[in-house]
Amino acid sequence: MSIDPVKPERLPDYLQDAIKRIDMAEMYLSSASPGMQERLCDEDDDAIEVNMLRDSLVRCIEVVGQCLHNAQTADPSFEARHALNASGWWGMRSKISHEGVQNFV
């Protein structure tokens, strides 16, 4: 399977995908009880519901990071023109993807 190259004409798609994942993360967090939200940062809590929510949020962060990286690649002036730290999101995505979430928290 080949990876599609980043294309400038797909910039709106990359941004729409990022917004969609941010909205999903917000929905996941807002639907969790305050107690569940607190448990997310407890490294020793390995209950299935905590892991499912944690994994869902991690995946959203990964996708947002990839989308913003693609946007920056498609339009090199993107980050400078907007109040977005695309490279910061990419770094966070890479750290989570390659080093694991335990090294991120």
PDB file of N, CA and C in Angstrom:
ATOM      1  N   MET A   1       0.846  -1.179   0.000  1.00  0.00           N
ATOM      2  CA  MET A   1       0.000   0.000   0.000  1.00  0.00           C
ATOM      3  C   MET A   1       0.890   1.240   0.000  1.00  0.00           C
ATOM      4  N   SER A   2       0.632   2.150  -0.910  1.00  0.00           N
ATOM      5  CA  SER A   2       1.422   3.371  -0.970  1.00  0.00           C
ATOM      6  C   SER A   2       0.709   4.494  -0.213  1.00  0.00           C
ATOM      7  N   ILE A   3       1.509   5.429   0.252  1.00  0.00           N
ATOM      8  CA  ILE A   3       0.978   6.578   0.975  1.00  0.00           C
ATOM      9  C   ILE A   3       0.772   7.708  -0.029  1.00  0.00           C
ATOM     10  N   ASP A   4      -0.401   8.315   0.016  1.00  0.00           N
ATOM     11  CA  ASP A   4      -0.683   9.428  -0.887  1.00  0.00           C
ATOM     12  C   ASP A   4       0.215  10.605  -0.535  1.00  0.00           C
ATOM     13  N   PRO A   5       0.794  11.255  -1.543  1.00  0.00           N
ATOM     14  CA  PRO A   5       1.606  12.435  -1.258  1.00  0.00           C
ATOM     15  C   PRO A   5       0.726  13.595  -0.802  1.00  0.00           C
ATOM     16  N   VAL A   6       1.328  14.476  -0.027  1.00  0.00           N
ATOM     17  CA  VAL A   6       0.613  15.668   0.428  1.00  0.00           C
ATOM     18  C   VAL A   6       0.450  16.599  -0.764  1.00  0.00           C
ATOM     19  N   LYS A   7      -0.774  17.067  -0.968  1.00  0.00           N
ATOM     20  CA  LYS A   7      -1.074  17.909  -2.122  1.00  0.00           C
ATOM     21  C   LYS A   7      -1.666  19.240  -1.656  1.00  0.00           C
ATOM     22  N   PRO A   8      -1.170  20.353  -2.206  1.00  0.00           N
ATOM     23  CA  PRO A   8      -1.700  21.666  -1.818  1.00  0.00           C
ATOM     24  C   PRO A   8      -3.214  21.786  -1.986  1.00  0.00           C
ATOM     25  N   GLU A   9      -3.766  21.151  -3.017  1.00  0.00           N
ATOM     26  CA  GLU A   9      -5.215  21.266  -3.235  1.00  0.00           C
ATOM     27  C   GLU A   9      -6.020  20.544  -2.158  1.00  0.00           C
ATOM     28  N   ARG A  10      -5.363  19.714  -1.355  1.00  0.00           N
ATOM     29  CA  ARG A  10      -6.063  18.998  -0.289  1.00  0.00           C
ATOM     30  C   ARG A  10      -6.008  19.736   1.050  1.00  0.00           C
ATOM     31  N   LEU A  11      -5.439  20.928   1.071  1.00  0.00           N
ATOM     32  CA  LEU A  11      -5.329  21.700   2.314  1.00  0.00           C
ATOM     33  C   LEU A  11      -6.663  21.804   3.060  1.00  0.00           C
ATOM     34  N   PRO A  12      -7.787  22.124   2.379  1.00  0.00           N
ATOM     35  CA  PRO A  12      -9.066  22.170   3.106  1.00  0.00           C
ATOM     36  C   PRO A  12      -9.437  20.822   3.747  1.00  0.00           C
ATOM     37  N   ASP A  13      -9.101  19.719   3.091  1.00  0.00           N
ATOM     38  CA  ASP A  13      -9.385  18.389   3.652  1.00  0.00           C
ATOM     39  C   ASP A  13      -8.584  18.148   4.924  1.00  0.00           C
ATOM     40  N   TYR A  14      -7.299  18.523   4.897  1.00  0.00           N
ATOM     41  CA  TYR A  14      -6.457  18.331   6.084  1.00  0.00           C
ATOM     42  C   TYR A  14      -7.012  19.118   7.262  1.00  0.00           C
ATOM     43  N   LEU A  15      -7.415  20.347   7.004  1.00  0.00           N
ATOM     44  CA  LEU A  15      -7.930  21.193   8.078  1.00  0.00           C
ATOM     45  C   LEU A  15      -9.282  20.689   8.582  1.00  0.00           C
ATOM     46  N   GLN A  16     -10.124  20.247   7.670  1.00  0.00           N
ATOM     47  CA  GLN A  16     -11.428  19.705   8.069  1.00  0.00           C
ATOM     48  C   GLN A  16     -11.254  18.448   8.915  1.00  0.00           C
ATOM     49  N   ASP A  17     -10.308  17.602   8.540  1.00  0.00           N
ATOM     50  CA  ASP A  17     -10.041  16.392   9.324  1.00  0.00           C
ATOM     51  C   ASP A  17      -9.546  16.752  10.726  1.00  0.00           C
ATOM     52  N   ALA A  18      -8.685  17.769  10.826  1.00  0.00           N
ATOM     53  CA  ALA A  18      -8.181  18.200  12.136  1.00  0.00           C
ATOM     54  C   ALA A  18      -9.332  18.707  13.000  1.00  0.00           C
ATOM     55  N   ILE A  19     -10.193  19.516  12.429  1.00  0.00           N
ATOM     56  CA  ILE A  19     -11.339  20.050  13.177  1.00  0.00           C
ATOM     57  C   ILE A  19     -12.250  18.914  13.641  1.00  0.00           C
ATOM     58  N   LYS A  20     -12.482  17.958  12.770  1.00  0.00           N
ATOM     59  CA  LYS A  20     -13.328  16.811  13.114  1.00  0.00           C
ATOM     60  C   LYS A  20     -12.756  16.070  14.321  1.00  0.00           C
ATOM     61  N   ARG A  21     -11.457  15.829  14.330  1.00  0.00           N
ATOM     62  CA  ARG A  21     -10.845  15.102  15.449  1.00  0.00           C
ATOM     63  C   ARG A  21     -10.823  15.922  16.728  1.00  0.00           C
ATOM     64  N   ILE A  22     -10.663  17.222  16.620  1.00  0.00           N
ATOM     65  CA  ILE A  22     -10.734  18.076  17.815  1.00  0.00           C
ATOM     66  C   ILE A  22     -12.146  18.013  18.391  1.00  0.00           C
ATOM     67  N   ASP A  23     -13.142  18.079  17.531  1.00  0.00           N
ATOM     68  CA  ASP A  23     -14.534  17.967  17.979  1.00  0.00           C
ATOM     69  C   ASP A  23     -14.798  16.615  18.636  1.00  0.00           C
ATOM     70  N   MET A  24     -14.226  15.544  18.062  1.00  0.00           N
ATOM     71  CA  MET A  24     -14.407  14.213  18.642  1.00  0.00           C
ATOM     72  C   MET A  24     -13.771  14.133  20.024  1.00  0.00           C
ATOM     73  N   ALA A  25     -12.572  14.676  20.174  1.00  0.00           N
ATOM     74  CA  ALA A  25     -11.892  14.658  21.475  1.00  0.00           C
ATOM     75  C   ALA A  25     -12.713  15.425  22.513  1.00  0.00           C
ATOM     76  N   GLU A  26     -13.255  16.564  22.104  1.00  0.00           N
ATOM     77  CA  GLU A  26     -14.096  17.352  23.009  1.00  0.00           C
ATOM     78  C   GLU A  26     -15.342  16.555  23.418  1.00  0.00           C
ATOM     79  N   MET A  27     -15.941  15.855  22.466  1.00  0.00           N
ATOM     80  CA  MET A  27     -17.117  15.047  22.755  1.00  0.00           C
ATOM     81  C   MET A  27     -16.768  13.913  23.730  1.00  0.00           C
ATOM     82  N   TYR A  28     -15.641  13.240  23.478  1.00  0.00           N
ATOM     83  CA  TYR A  28     -15.220  12.155  24.367  1.00  0.00           C
ATOM     84  C   TYR A  28     -15.019  12.664  25.792  1.00  0.00           C
ATOM     85  N   LEU A  29     -14.319  13.785  25.925  1.00  0.00           N
ATOM     86  CA  LEU A  29     -14.049  14.320  27.260  1.00  0.00           C
ATOM     87  C   LEU A  29     -15.305  14.833  27.949  1.00  0.00           C
ATOM     88  N   SER A  30     -16.158  15.516  27.199  1.00  0.00           N
ATOM     89  CA  SER A  30     -17.356  16.081  27.824  1.00  0.00           C
ATOM     90  C   SER A  30     -18.359  14.997  28.218  1.00  0.00           C
ATOM     91  N   SER A  31     -18.297  13.848  27.560  1.00  0.00           N
ATOM     92  CA  SER A  31     -19.220  12.771  27.926  1.00  0.00           C
ATOM     93  C   SER A  31     -18.700  11.936  29.102  1.00  0.00           C
ATOM     94  N   ALA A  32     -17.438  12.109  29.441  1.00  0.00           N
ATOM     95  CA  ALA A  32     -16.865  11.376  30.577  1.00  0.00           C
ATOM     96  C   ALA A  32     -17.183  12.112  31.877  1.00  0.00           C
ATOM     97  N   SER A  33     -17.428  11.367  32.912  1.00  0.00           N
ATOM     98  CA  SER A  33     -17.699  11.968  34.219  1.00  0.00           C
ATOM     99  C   SER A  33     -16.437  12.666  34.725  1.00  0.00           C
ATOM    100  N   PRO A  34     -16.595  13.625  35.647  1.00  0.00           N
ATOM    101  CA  PRO A  34     -15.413  14.276  36.226  1.00  0.00           C
ATOM    102  C   PRO A  34     -14.450  13.254  36.856  1.00  0.00           C
ATOM    103  N   GLY A  35     -14.996  12.232  37.476  1.00  0.00           N
ATOM    104  CA  GLY A  35     -14.152  11.196  38.065  1.00  0.00           C
ATOM    105  C   GLY A  35     -13.345  10.455  37.019  1.00  0.00           C
ATOM    106  N   MET A  36     -13.986  10.154  35.900  1.00  0.00           N
ATOM    107  CA  MET A  36     -13.297   9.476  34.804  1.00  0.00           C
ATOM    108  C   MET A  36     -12.203  10.372  34.229  1.00  0.00           C
ATOM    109  N   GLN A  37     -12.512  11.656  34.099  1.00  0.00           N
ATOM    110  CA  GLN A  37     -11.522  12.596  33.572  1.00  0.00           C
ATOM    111  C   GLN A  37     -10.288  12.639  34.469  1.00  0.00           C
ATOM    112  N   GLU A  38     -10.486  12.615  35.776  1.00  0.00           N
ATOM    113  CA  GLU A  38      -9.358  12.606  36.708  1.00  0.00           C
ATOM    114  C   GLU A  38      -8.535  11.330  36.582  1.00  0.00           C
ATOM    115  N   ARG A  39      -9.198  10.232  36.337  1.00  0.00           N
ATOM    116  CA  ARG A  39      -8.518   8.940  36.247  1.00  0.00           C
ATOM    117  C   ARG A  39      -7.621   8.843  35.012  1.00  0.00           C
ATOM    118  N   LEU A  40      -7.853   9.667  34.014  1.00  0.00           N
ATOM    119  CA  LEU A  40      -7.051   9.618  32.791  1.00  0.00           C
ATOM    120  C   LEU A  40      -5.565   9.819  33.061  1.00  0.00           C
ATOM    121  N   CYS A  41      -5.236  10.659  34.034  1.00  0.00           N
ATOM    122  CA  CYS A  41      -3.838  10.974  34.320  1.00  0.00           C
ATOM    123  C   CYS A  41      -3.205  10.025  35.332  1.00  0.00           C
ATOM    124  N   ASP A  42      -3.965   9.098  35.834  1.00  0.00           N
ATOM    125  CA  ASP A  42      -3.431   8.127  36.786  1.00  0.00           C
ATOM    126  C   ASP A  42      -2.784   6.988  36.008  1.00  0.00           C
ATOM    127  N   GLU A  43      -1.470   6.979  35.955  1.00  0.00           N
ATOM    128  CA  GLU A  43      -0.733   5.978  35.179  1.00  0.00           C
ATOM    129  C   GLU A  43      -0.999   4.551  35.641  1.00  0.00           C
ATOM    130  N   ASP A  44      -1.381   4.399  36.891  1.00  0.00           N
ATOM    131  CA  ASP A  44      -1.612   3.061  37.439  1.00  0.00           C
ATOM    132  C   ASP A  44      -3.033   2.554  37.201  1.00  0.00           C
ATOM    133  N   ASP A  45      -3.907   3.423  36.719  1.00  0.00           N
ATOM    134  CA  ASP A  45      -5.292   3.029  36.464  1.00  0.00           C
ATOM    135  C   ASP A  45      -5.367   2.393  35.088  1.00  0.00           C
ATOM    136  N   ASP A  46      -5.497   1.084  35.059  1.00  0.00           N
ATOM    137  CA  ASP A  46      -5.551   0.391  33.772  1.00  0.00           C
ATOM    138  C   ASP A  46      -6.913  -0.250  33.518  1.00  0.00           C
ATOM    139  N   ALA A  47      -7.945   0.349  34.111  1.00  0.00           N
ATOM    140  CA  ALA A  47      -9.312  -0.127  33.868  1.00  0.00           C
ATOM    141  C   ALA A  47      -9.638   0.047  32.388  1.00  0.00           C
ATOM    142  N   ILE A  48     -10.402  -0.876  31.871  1.00  0.00           N
ATOM    143  CA  ILE A  48     -10.707  -0.876  30.432  1.00  0.00           C
ATOM    144  C   ILE A  48     -11.355   0.428  29.979  1.00  0.00           C
ATOM    145  N   GLU A  49     -12.272   0.981  30.760  1.00  0.00           N
ATOM    146  CA  GLU A  49     -12.946   2.213  30.336  1.00  0.00           C
ATOM    147  C   GLU A  49     -11.979   3.398  30.325  1.00  0.00           C
ATOM    148  N   VAL A  50     -11.014   3.393  31.235  1.00  0.00           N
ATOM    149  CA  VAL A  50     -10.004   4.456  31.249  1.00  0.00           C
ATOM    150  C   VAL A  50      -9.086   4.310  30.030  1.00  0.00           C
ATOM    151  N   ASN A  51      -8.663   3.087  29.759  1.00  0.00           N
ATOM    152  CA  ASN A  51      -7.802   2.844  28.610  1.00  0.00           C
ATOM    153  C   ASN A  51      -8.495   3.170  27.294  1.00  0.00           C
ATOM    154  N   MET A  52      -9.778   2.863  27.191  1.00  0.00           N
ATOM    155  CA  MET A  52     -10.511   3.160  25.959  1.00  0.00           C
ATOM    156  C   MET A  52     -10.588   4.673  25.729  1.00  0.00           C
ATOM    157  N   LEU A  53     -10.898   5.422  26.774  1.00  0.00           N
ATOM    158  CA  LEU A  53     -10.975   6.877  26.639  1.00  0.00           C
ATOM    159  C   LEU A  53      -9.595   7.452  26.354  1.00  0.00           C
ATOM    160  N   ARG A  54      -8.598   6.991  27.075  1.00  0.00           N
ATOM    161  CA  ARG A  54      -7.227   7.460  26.871  1.00  0.00           C
ATOM    162  C   ARG A  54      -6.777   7.182  25.428  1.00  0.00           C
ATOM    163  N   ASP A  55      -7.011   5.967  24.952  1.00  0.00           N
ATOM    164  CA  ASP A  55      -6.613   5.616  23.590  1.00  0.00           C
ATOM    165  C   ASP A  55      -7.356   6.449  22.544  1.00  0.00           C
ATOM    166  N   SER A  56      -8.622   6.716  22.783  1.00  0.00           N
ATOM    167  CA  SER A  56      -9.398   7.539  21.853  1.00  0.00           C
ATOM    168  C   SER A  56      -8.832   8.953  21.777  1.00  0.00           C
ATOM    169  N   LEU A  57      -8.480   9.511  22.914  1.00  0.00           N
ATOM    170  CA  LEU A  57      -7.923  10.864  22.936  1.00  0.00           C
ATOM    171  C   LEU A  57      -6.541  10.900  22.299  1.00  0.00           C
ATOM    172  N   VAL A  58      -5.748   9.888  22.564  1.00  0.00           N
ATOM    173  CA  VAL A  58      -4.414   9.804  21.962  1.00  0.00           C
ATOM    174  C   VAL A  58      -4.533   9.740  20.447  1.00  0.00           C
ATOM    175  N   ARG A  59      -5.444   8.935  19.954  1.00  0.00           N
ATOM    176  CA  ARG A  59      -5.629   8.824  18.503  1.00  0.00           C
ATOM    177  C   ARG A  59      -6.048  10.166  17.916  1.00  0.00           C
ATOM    178  N   CYS A  60      -6.909  10.893  18.593  1.00  0.00           N
ATOM    179  CA  CYS A  60      -7.314  12.216  18.106  1.00  0.00           C
ATOM    180  C   CYS A  60      -6.107  13.146  18.016  1.00  0.00           C
ATOM    181  N   ILE A  61      -5.244  13.125  19.024  1.00  0.00           N
ATOM    182  CA  ILE A  61      -4.044  13.970  19.015  1.00  0.00           C
ATOM    183  C   ILE A  61      -3.130  13.581  17.853  1.00  0.00           C
ATOM    184  N   GLU A  62      -2.966  12.286  17.636  1.00  0.00           N
ATOM    185  CA  GLU A  62      -2.136  11.826  16.525  1.00  0.00           C
ATOM    186  C   GLU A  62      -2.666  12.323  15.182  1.00  0.00           C
ATOM    187  N   VAL A  63      -3.962  12.210  14.992  1.00  0.00           N
ATOM    188  CA  VAL A  63      -4.562  12.617  13.712  1.00  0.00           C
ATOM    189  C   VAL A  63      -4.467  14.131  13.528  1.00  0.00           C
ATOM    190  N   VAL A  64      -4.735  14.893  14.573  1.00  0.00           N
ATOM    191  CA  VAL A  64      -4.625  16.355  14.461  1.00  0.00           C
ATOM    192  C   VAL A  64      -3.190  16.735  14.101  1.00  0.00           C
ATOM    193  N   GLY A  65      -2.231  16.122  14.778  1.00  0.00           N
ATOM    194  CA  GLY A  65      -0.828  16.403  14.474  1.00  0.00           C
ATOM    195  C   GLY A  65      -0.477  16.091  13.036  1.00  0.00           C
ATOM    196  N   GLN A  66      -0.942  14.945  12.548  1.00  0.00           N
ATOM    197  CA  GLN A  66      -0.668  14.561  11.155  1.00  0.00           C
ATOM    198  C   GLN A  66      -1.341  15.524  10.188  1.00  0.00           C
ATOM    199  N   CYS A  67      -2.582  15.896  10.467  1.00  0.00           N
ATOM    200  CA  CYS A  67      -3.305  16.820   9.588  1.00  0.00           C
ATOM    201  C   CYS A  67      -2.615  18.183   9.513  1.00  0.00           C
ATOM    202  N   LEU A  68      -2.186  18.696  10.651  1.00  0.00           N
ATOM    203  CA  LEU A  68      -1.526  20.005  10.647  1.00  0.00           C
ATOM    204  C   LEU A  68      -0.146  19.930   9.995  1.00  0.00           C
ATOM    205  N   HIS A  69       0.523  18.808  10.154  1.00  0.00           N
ATOM    206  CA  HIS A  69       1.797  18.604   9.452  1.00  0.00           C
ATOM    207  C   HIS A  69       1.554  18.594   7.942  1.00  0.00           C
ATOM    208  N   ASN A  70       0.515  17.883   7.517  1.00  0.00           N
ATOM    209  CA  ASN A  70       0.173  17.854   6.088  1.00  0.00           C
ATOM    210  C   ASN A  70      -0.181  19.249   5.578  1.00  0.00           C
ATOM    211  N   ALA A  71      -0.907  20.009   6.391  1.00  0.00           N
ATOM    212  CA  ALA A  71      -1.273  21.379   5.999  1.00  0.00           C
ATOM    213  C   ALA A  71      -0.018  22.231   5.838  1.00  0.00           C
ATOM    214  N   GLN A  72       0.922  22.096   6.767  1.00  0.00           N
ATOM    215  CA  GLN A  72       2.173  22.856   6.704  1.00  0.00           C
ATOM    216  C   GLN A  72       3.011  22.431   5.491  1.00  0.00           C
ATOM    217  N   THR A  73       3.003  21.140   5.188  1.00  0.00           N
ATOM    218  CA  THR A  73       3.735  20.632   4.032  1.00  0.00           C
ATOM    219  C   THR A  73       3.086  21.115   2.731  1.00  0.00           C
ATOM    220  N   ALA A  74       1.768  21.117   2.703  1.00  0.00           N
ATOM    221  CA  ALA A  74       1.035  21.555   1.512  1.00  0.00           C
ATOM    222  C   ALA A  74       1.201  23.055   1.260  1.00  0.00           C
ATOM    223  N   ASP A  75       1.293  23.817   2.346  1.00  0.00           N
ATOM    224  CA  ASP A  75       1.427  25.277   2.248  1.00  0.00           C
ATOM    225  C   ASP A  75       2.452  25.720   3.290  1.00  0.00           C
ATOM    226  N   PRO A  76       3.730  25.854   2.909  1.00  0.00           N
ATOM    227  CA  PRO A  76       4.787  26.192   3.869  1.00  0.00           C
ATOM    228  C   PRO A  76       4.565  27.491   4.646  1.00  0.00           C
ATOM    229  N   SER A  77       3.715  28.371   4.146  1.00  0.00           N
ATOM    230  CA  SER A  77       3.442  29.614   4.885  1.00  0.00           C
ATOM    231  C   SER A  77       2.272  29.458   5.857  1.00  0.00           C
ATOM    232  N   PHE A  78       1.678  28.281   5.904  1.00  0.00           N
ATOM    233  CA  PHE A  78       0.482  28.031   6.717  1.00  0.00           C
ATOM    234  C   PHE A  78       0.696  28.405   8.185  1.00  0.00           C
ATOM    235  N   GLU A  79       1.740  27.863   8.793  1.00  0.00           N
ATOM    236  CA  GLU A  79       1.975  28.097  10.225  1.00  0.00           C
ATOM    237  C   GLU A  79       2.220  29.571  10.524  1.00  0.00           C
ATOM    238  N   ALA A  80       2.961  30.244   9.661  1.00  0.00           N
ATOM    239  CA  ALA A  80       3.263  31.653   9.877  1.00  0.00           C
ATOM    240  C   ALA A  80       2.026  32.539   9.734  1.00  0.00           C
ATOM    241  N   ARG A  81       1.083  32.120   8.921  1.00  0.00           N
ATOM    242  CA  ARG A  81      -0.116  32.933   8.667  1.00  0.00           C
ATOM    243  C   ARG A  81      -1.234  32.707   9.664  1.00  0.00           C
ATOM    244  N   HIS A  82      -1.133  31.662  10.459  1.00  0.00           N
ATOM    245  CA  HIS A  82      -2.212  31.317  11.386  1.00  0.00           C
ATOM    246  C   HIS A  82      -1.680  31.179  12.801  1.00  0.00           C
ATOM    247  N   ALA A  83      -2.549  31.329  13.749  1.00  0.00           N
ATOM    248  CA  ALA A  83      -2.166  31.203  15.165  1.00  0.00           C
ATOM    249  C   ALA A  83      -2.209  29.739  15.587  1.00  0.00           C
ATOM    250  N   LEU A  84      -1.548  28.905  14.799  1.00  0.00           N
ATOM    251  CA  LEU A  84      -1.477  27.471  15.087  1.00  0.00           C
ATOM    252  C   LEU A  84      -0.019  27.067  15.156  1.00  0.00           C
ATOM    253  N   ASN A  85       0.309  26.262  16.116  1.00  0.00           N
ATOM    254  CA  ASN A  85       1.659  25.734  16.222  1.00  0.00           C
ATOM    255  C   ASN A  85       1.667  24.351  15.582  1.00  0.00           C
ATOM    256  N   ALA A  86       1.649  24.335  14.254  1.00  0.00           N
ATOM    257  CA  ALA A  86       1.583  23.061  13.528  1.00  0.00           C
ATOM    258  C   ALA A  86       2.773  22.178  13.861  1.00  0.00           C
ATOM    259  N   SER A  87       3.943  22.756  13.972  1.00  0.00           N
ATOM    260  CA  SER A  87       5.128  21.947  14.277  1.00  0.00           C
ATOM    261  C   SER A  87       5.066  21.404  15.700  1.00  0.00           C
ATOM    262  N   GLY A  88       4.465  22.136  16.604  1.00  0.00           N
ATOM    263  CA  GLY A  88       4.287  21.639  17.975  1.00  0.00           C
ATOM    264  C   GLY A  88       3.336  20.449  18.022  1.00  0.00           C
ATOM    265  N   TRP A  89       2.257  20.535  17.267  1.00  0.00           N
ATOM    266  CA  TRP A  89       1.314  19.415  17.187  1.00  0.00           C
ATOM    267  C   TRP A  89       1.989  18.199  16.557  1.00  0.00           C
ATOM    268  N   TRP A  90       2.803  18.439  15.532  1.00  0.00           N
ATOM    269  CA  TRP A  90       3.512  17.340  14.873  1.00  0.00           C
ATOM    270  C   TRP A  90       4.482  16.682  15.858  1.00  0.00           C
ATOM    271  N   GLY A  91       5.184  17.500  16.629  1.00  0.00           N
ATOM    272  CA  GLY A  91       6.106  16.960  17.628  1.00  0.00           C
ATOM    273  C   GLY A  91       5.383  16.136  18.684  1.00  0.00           C
ATOM    274  N   MET A  92       4.237  16.631  19.143  1.00  0.00           N
ATOM    275  CA  MET A  92       3.451  15.903  20.133  1.00  0.00           C
ATOM    276  C   MET A  92       2.959  14.588  19.538  1.00  0.00           C
ATOM    277  N   ARG A  93       2.487  14.620  18.314  1.00  0.00           N
ATOM    278  CA  ARG A  93       2.020  13.421  17.632  1.00  0.00           C
ATOM    279  C   ARG A  93       3.149  12.410  17.495  1.00  0.00           C
ATOM    280  N   SER A  94       4.324  12.875  17.114  1.00  0.00           N
ATOM    281  CA  SER A  94       5.464  11.977  16.928  1.00  0.00           C
ATOM    282  C   SER A  94       5.916  11.366  18.248  1.00  0.00           C
ATOM    283  N   LYS A  95       5.936  12.172  19.291  1.00  0.00           N
ATOM    284  CA  LYS A  95       6.344  11.672  20.606  1.00  0.00           C
ATOM    285  C   LYS A  95       5.385  10.580  21.089  1.00  0.00           C
ATOM    286  N   ILE A  96       4.094  10.825  20.954  1.00  0.00           N
ATOM    287  CA  ILE A  96       3.102   9.835  21.367  1.00  0.00           C
ATOM    288  C   ILE A  96       3.189   8.582  20.502  1.00  0.00           C
ATOM    289  N   SER A  97       3.292   8.766  19.190  1.00  0.00           N
ATOM    290  CA  SER A  97       3.295   7.630  18.272  1.00  0.00           C
ATOM    291  C   SER A  97       4.533   6.756  18.421  1.00  0.00           C
ATOM    292  N   HIS A  98       5.681   7.385  18.633  1.00  0.00           N
ATOM    293  CA  HIS A  98       6.929   6.637  18.612  1.00  0.00           C
ATOM    294  C   HIS A  98       7.489   6.296  19.992  1.00  0.00           C
ATOM    295  N   GLU A  99       7.107   7.077  21.005  1.00  0.00           N
ATOM    296  CA  GLU A  99       7.642   6.820  22.342  1.00  0.00           C
ATOM    297  C   GLU A  99       6.579   6.323  23.305  1.00  0.00           C
ATOM    298  N   GLY A 100       5.337   6.456  22.936  1.00  0.00           N
ATOM    299  CA  GLY A 100       4.237   6.003  23.782  1.00  0.00           C
ATOM    300  C   GLY A 100       3.692   7.112  24.654  1.00  0.00           C
ATOM    301  N   VAL A 101       2.457   6.968  25.027  1.00  0.00           N
ATOM    302  CA  VAL A 101       1.777   8.007  25.806  1.00  0.00           C
ATOM    303  C   VAL A 101       2.361   8.124  27.207  1.00  0.00           C
ATOM    304  N   GLN A 102       2.910   7.052  27.768  1.00  0.00           N
ATOM    305  CA  GLN A 102       3.473   7.116  29.117  1.00  0.00           C
ATOM    306  C   GLN A 102       4.646   8.098  29.179  1.00  0.00           C
ATOM    307  N   ASN A 103       5.339   8.330  28.082  1.00  0.00           N
ATOM    308  CA  ASN A 103       6.431   9.288  28.053  1.00  0.00           C
ATOM    309  C   ASN A 103       5.953  10.707  27.783  1.00  0.00           C
ATOM    310  N   PHE A 104       4.699  10.837  27.496  1.00  0.00           N
ATOM    311  CA  PHE A 104       4.126  12.135  27.170  1.00  0.00           C
ATOM    312  C   PHE A 104       3.522  12.811  28.385  1.00  0.00           C
ATOM    313  N   VAL A 105       2.889  12.017  29.244  1.00  0.00           N
ATOM    314  CA  VAL A 105       2.152  12.564  30.382  1.00  0.00           C
ATOM    315  C   VAL A 105       3.122  13.041  31.439  1.00  0.00           C
TER     316      VAL A 105
END
